[in-house]
Amino acid sequence: MCRLGYYDKLLVAIAGSLALGIAIGLTASVAFLSGLAAGAIVATIFVYEAMFRNPPIPTESAQYRAAAVAWHAFLVVTIVAAAI
């Protein structure tokens, strides 16, 4: 049996929260983009934990900054799209 590490669990939580948001958007009376935006907001909690509170790489690296900018850009685009 495969045991998941800490960051593997965080990746599963991120994907799960996005999938839950998609499922809510598809099945409930909530707009799809609103459900996706809600899932992205929940996923942001896990991303924050993985990137800022307990990062796997040194925080001075360029990869760290690029990942932070990319995630927040995705989150802003999703929220703006849901609001329109």
C-alpha atoms as a PDB file:
ATOM      1  CA  MET A   1       0.000   0.000   0.000  1.00  0.00           C
ATOM      2  CA  CYS A   2       1.278   3.445  -0.915  1.00  0.00           C
ATOM      3  CA  ARG A   3       1.560   5.966   1.903  1.00  0.00           C
ATOM      4  CA  LEU A   4       1.069   9.582   0.917  1.00  0.00           C
ATOM      5  CA  GLY A   5       3.492  12.212   2.117  1.00  0.00           C
ATOM      6  CA  TYR A   6       2.528  15.622   3.452  1.00  0.00           C
ATOM      7  CA  TYR A   7       2.728  17.422   0.112  1.00  0.00           C
ATOM      8  CA  ASP A   8       0.941  14.587  -1.675  1.00  0.00           C
ATOM      9  CA  LYS A   9      -1.963  15.019   0.731  1.00  0.00           C
ATOM     10  CA  LEU A  10      -1.995  18.748   0.060  1.00  0.00           C
ATOM     11  CA  LEU A  11      -2.123  18.097  -3.696  1.00  0.00           C
ATOM     12  CA  VAL A  12      -5.054  15.729  -3.190  1.00  0.00           C
ATOM     13  CA  ALA A  13      -6.815  18.350  -1.057  1.00  0.00           C
ATOM     14  CA  ILE A  14      -6.286  21.024  -3.727  1.00  0.00           C
ATOM     15  CA  ALA A  15      -7.604  18.798  -6.502  1.00  0.00           C
ATOM     16  CA  GLY A  16     -10.469  17.617  -4.307  1.00  0.00           C
ATOM     17  CA  SER A  17     -11.634  21.112  -3.426  1.00  0.00           C
ATOM     18  CA  LEU A  18     -11.544  22.163  -7.078  1.00  0.00           C
ATOM     19  CA  ALA A  19     -13.432  18.989  -8.061  1.00  0.00           C
ATOM     20  CA  LEU A  20     -16.013  19.645  -5.355  1.00  0.00           C
ATOM     21  CA  GLY A  21     -16.483  23.190  -6.628  1.00  0.00           C
ATOM     22  CA  ILE A  22     -16.977  21.868 -10.162  1.00  0.00           C
ATOM     23  CA  ALA A  23     -19.450  19.248  -8.922  1.00  0.00           C
ATOM     24  CA  ILE A  24     -21.436  21.868  -7.037  1.00  0.00           C
ATOM     25  CA  GLY A  25     -21.459  24.107 -10.107  1.00  0.00           C
ATOM     26  CA  LEU A  26     -22.719  21.279 -12.303  1.00  0.00           C
ATOM     27  CA  THR A  27     -25.340  19.757  -9.992  1.00  0.00           C
ATOM     28  CA  ALA A  28     -26.682  22.566  -7.797  1.00  0.00           C
ATOM     29  CA  SER A  29     -28.577  25.675  -8.731  1.00  0.00           C
ATOM     30  CA  VAL A  30     -25.306  27.591  -8.463  1.00  0.00           C
ATOM     31  CA  ALA A  31     -23.653  28.868 -11.629  1.00  0.00           C
ATOM     32  CA  PHE A  32     -20.755  26.696 -12.781  1.00  0.00           C
ATOM     33  CA  LEU A  33     -18.194  29.495 -12.520  1.00  0.00           C
ATOM     34  CA  SER A  34     -19.412  30.372  -9.034  1.00  0.00           C
ATOM     35  CA  GLY A  35     -18.916  26.782  -7.912  1.00  0.00           C
ATOM     36  CA  LEU A  36     -15.475  26.722  -9.503  1.00  0.00           C
ATOM     37  CA  ALA A  37     -14.576  30.018  -7.822  1.00  0.00           C
ATOM     38  CA  ALA A  38     -15.672  28.657  -4.443  1.00  0.00           C
ATOM     39  CA  GLY A  39     -13.533  25.561  -4.978  1.00  0.00           C
ATOM     40  CA  ALA A  40     -10.571  27.740  -5.944  1.00  0.00           C
ATOM     41  CA  ILE A  41     -10.970  29.815  -2.793  1.00  0.00           C
ATOM     42  CA  VAL A  42     -10.946  26.662  -0.647  1.00  0.00           C
ATOM     43  CA  ALA A  43      -7.957  25.319  -2.604  1.00  0.00           C
ATOM     44  CA  THR A  44      -6.143  28.573  -1.861  1.00  0.00           C
ATOM     45  CA  ILE A  45      -6.041  27.614   1.825  1.00  0.00           C
ATOM     46  CA  PHE A  46      -4.104  24.464   0.950  1.00  0.00           C
ATOM     47  CA  VAL A  47      -1.876  26.315  -1.510  1.00  0.00           C
ATOM     48  CA  TYR A  48      -1.101  28.903   1.157  1.00  0.00           C
ATOM     49  CA  GLU A  49      -0.140  26.117   3.563  1.00  0.00           C
ATOM     50  CA  ALA A  50       2.123  24.459   1.000  1.00  0.00           C
ATOM     51  CA  MET A  51       3.741  27.615  -0.361  1.00  0.00           C
ATOM     52  CA  PHE A  52       3.994  30.073   2.501  1.00  0.00           C
ATOM     53  CA  ARG A  53       3.662  28.291   5.848  1.00  0.00           C
ATOM     54  CA  ASN A  54       5.622  25.132   5.018  1.00  0.00           C
ATOM     55  CA  PRO A  55       7.302  25.421   1.589  1.00  0.00           C
ATOM     56  CA  PRO A  56       9.176  22.413   0.171  1.00  0.00           C
ATOM     57  CA  ILE A  57      11.841  24.618  -1.441  1.00  0.00           C
ATOM     58  CA  PRO A  58      13.701  27.668  -0.152  1.00  0.00           C
ATOM     59  CA  THR A  59      11.528  30.778  -0.320  1.00  0.00           C
ATOM     60  CA  GLU A  60      14.276  32.746  -2.056  1.00  0.00           C
ATOM     61  CA  SER A  61      14.090  30.683  -5.262  1.00  0.00           C
ATOM     62  CA  ALA A  62      12.608  31.954  -8.517  1.00  0.00           C
ATOM     63  CA  GLN A  63      10.378  28.872  -8.735  1.00  0.00           C
ATOM     64  CA  TYR A  64       8.757  29.863  -5.449  1.00  0.00           C
ATOM     65  CA  ARG A  65       7.908  33.339  -6.684  1.00  0.00           C
ATOM     66  CA  ALA A  66       6.678  32.090 -10.074  1.00  0.00           C
ATOM     67  CA  ALA A  67       4.384  29.533  -8.465  1.00  0.00           C
ATOM     68  CA  ALA A  68       2.920  32.135  -6.105  1.00  0.00           C
ATOM     69  CA  VAL A  69       2.252  34.585  -8.949  1.00  0.00           C
ATOM     70  CA  ALA A  70       0.744  31.892 -11.202  1.00  0.00           C
ATOM     71  CA  TRP A  71      -1.645  30.601  -8.523  1.00  0.00           C
ATOM     72  CA  HIS A  72      -2.871  34.043  -7.535  1.00  0.00           C
ATOM     73  CA  ALA A  73      -3.337  35.034 -11.184  1.00  0.00           C
ATOM     74  CA  PHE A  74      -5.461  31.900 -11.693  1.00  0.00           C
ATOM     75  CA  LEU A  75      -7.481  32.696  -8.588  1.00  0.00           C
ATOM     76  CA  VAL A  76      -8.138  36.300  -9.631  1.00  0.00           C
ATOM     77  CA  VAL A  77      -9.177  35.270 -13.169  1.00  0.00           C
ATOM     78  CA  THR A  78     -11.546  32.629 -11.751  1.00  0.00           C
ATOM     79  CA  ILE A  79     -13.162  35.057  -9.309  1.00  0.00           C
ATOM     80  CA  VAL A  80     -13.541  37.770 -11.958  1.00  0.00           C
ATOM     81  CA  ALA A  81     -15.051  35.265 -14.396  1.00  0.00           C
ATOM     82  CA  ALA A  82     -17.508  34.094 -11.733  1.00  0.00           C
ATOM     83  CA  ALA A  83     -18.531  37.658 -10.941  1.00  0.00           C
ATOM     84  CA  ILE A  84     -19.305  38.515 -14.567  1.00  0.00           C
END
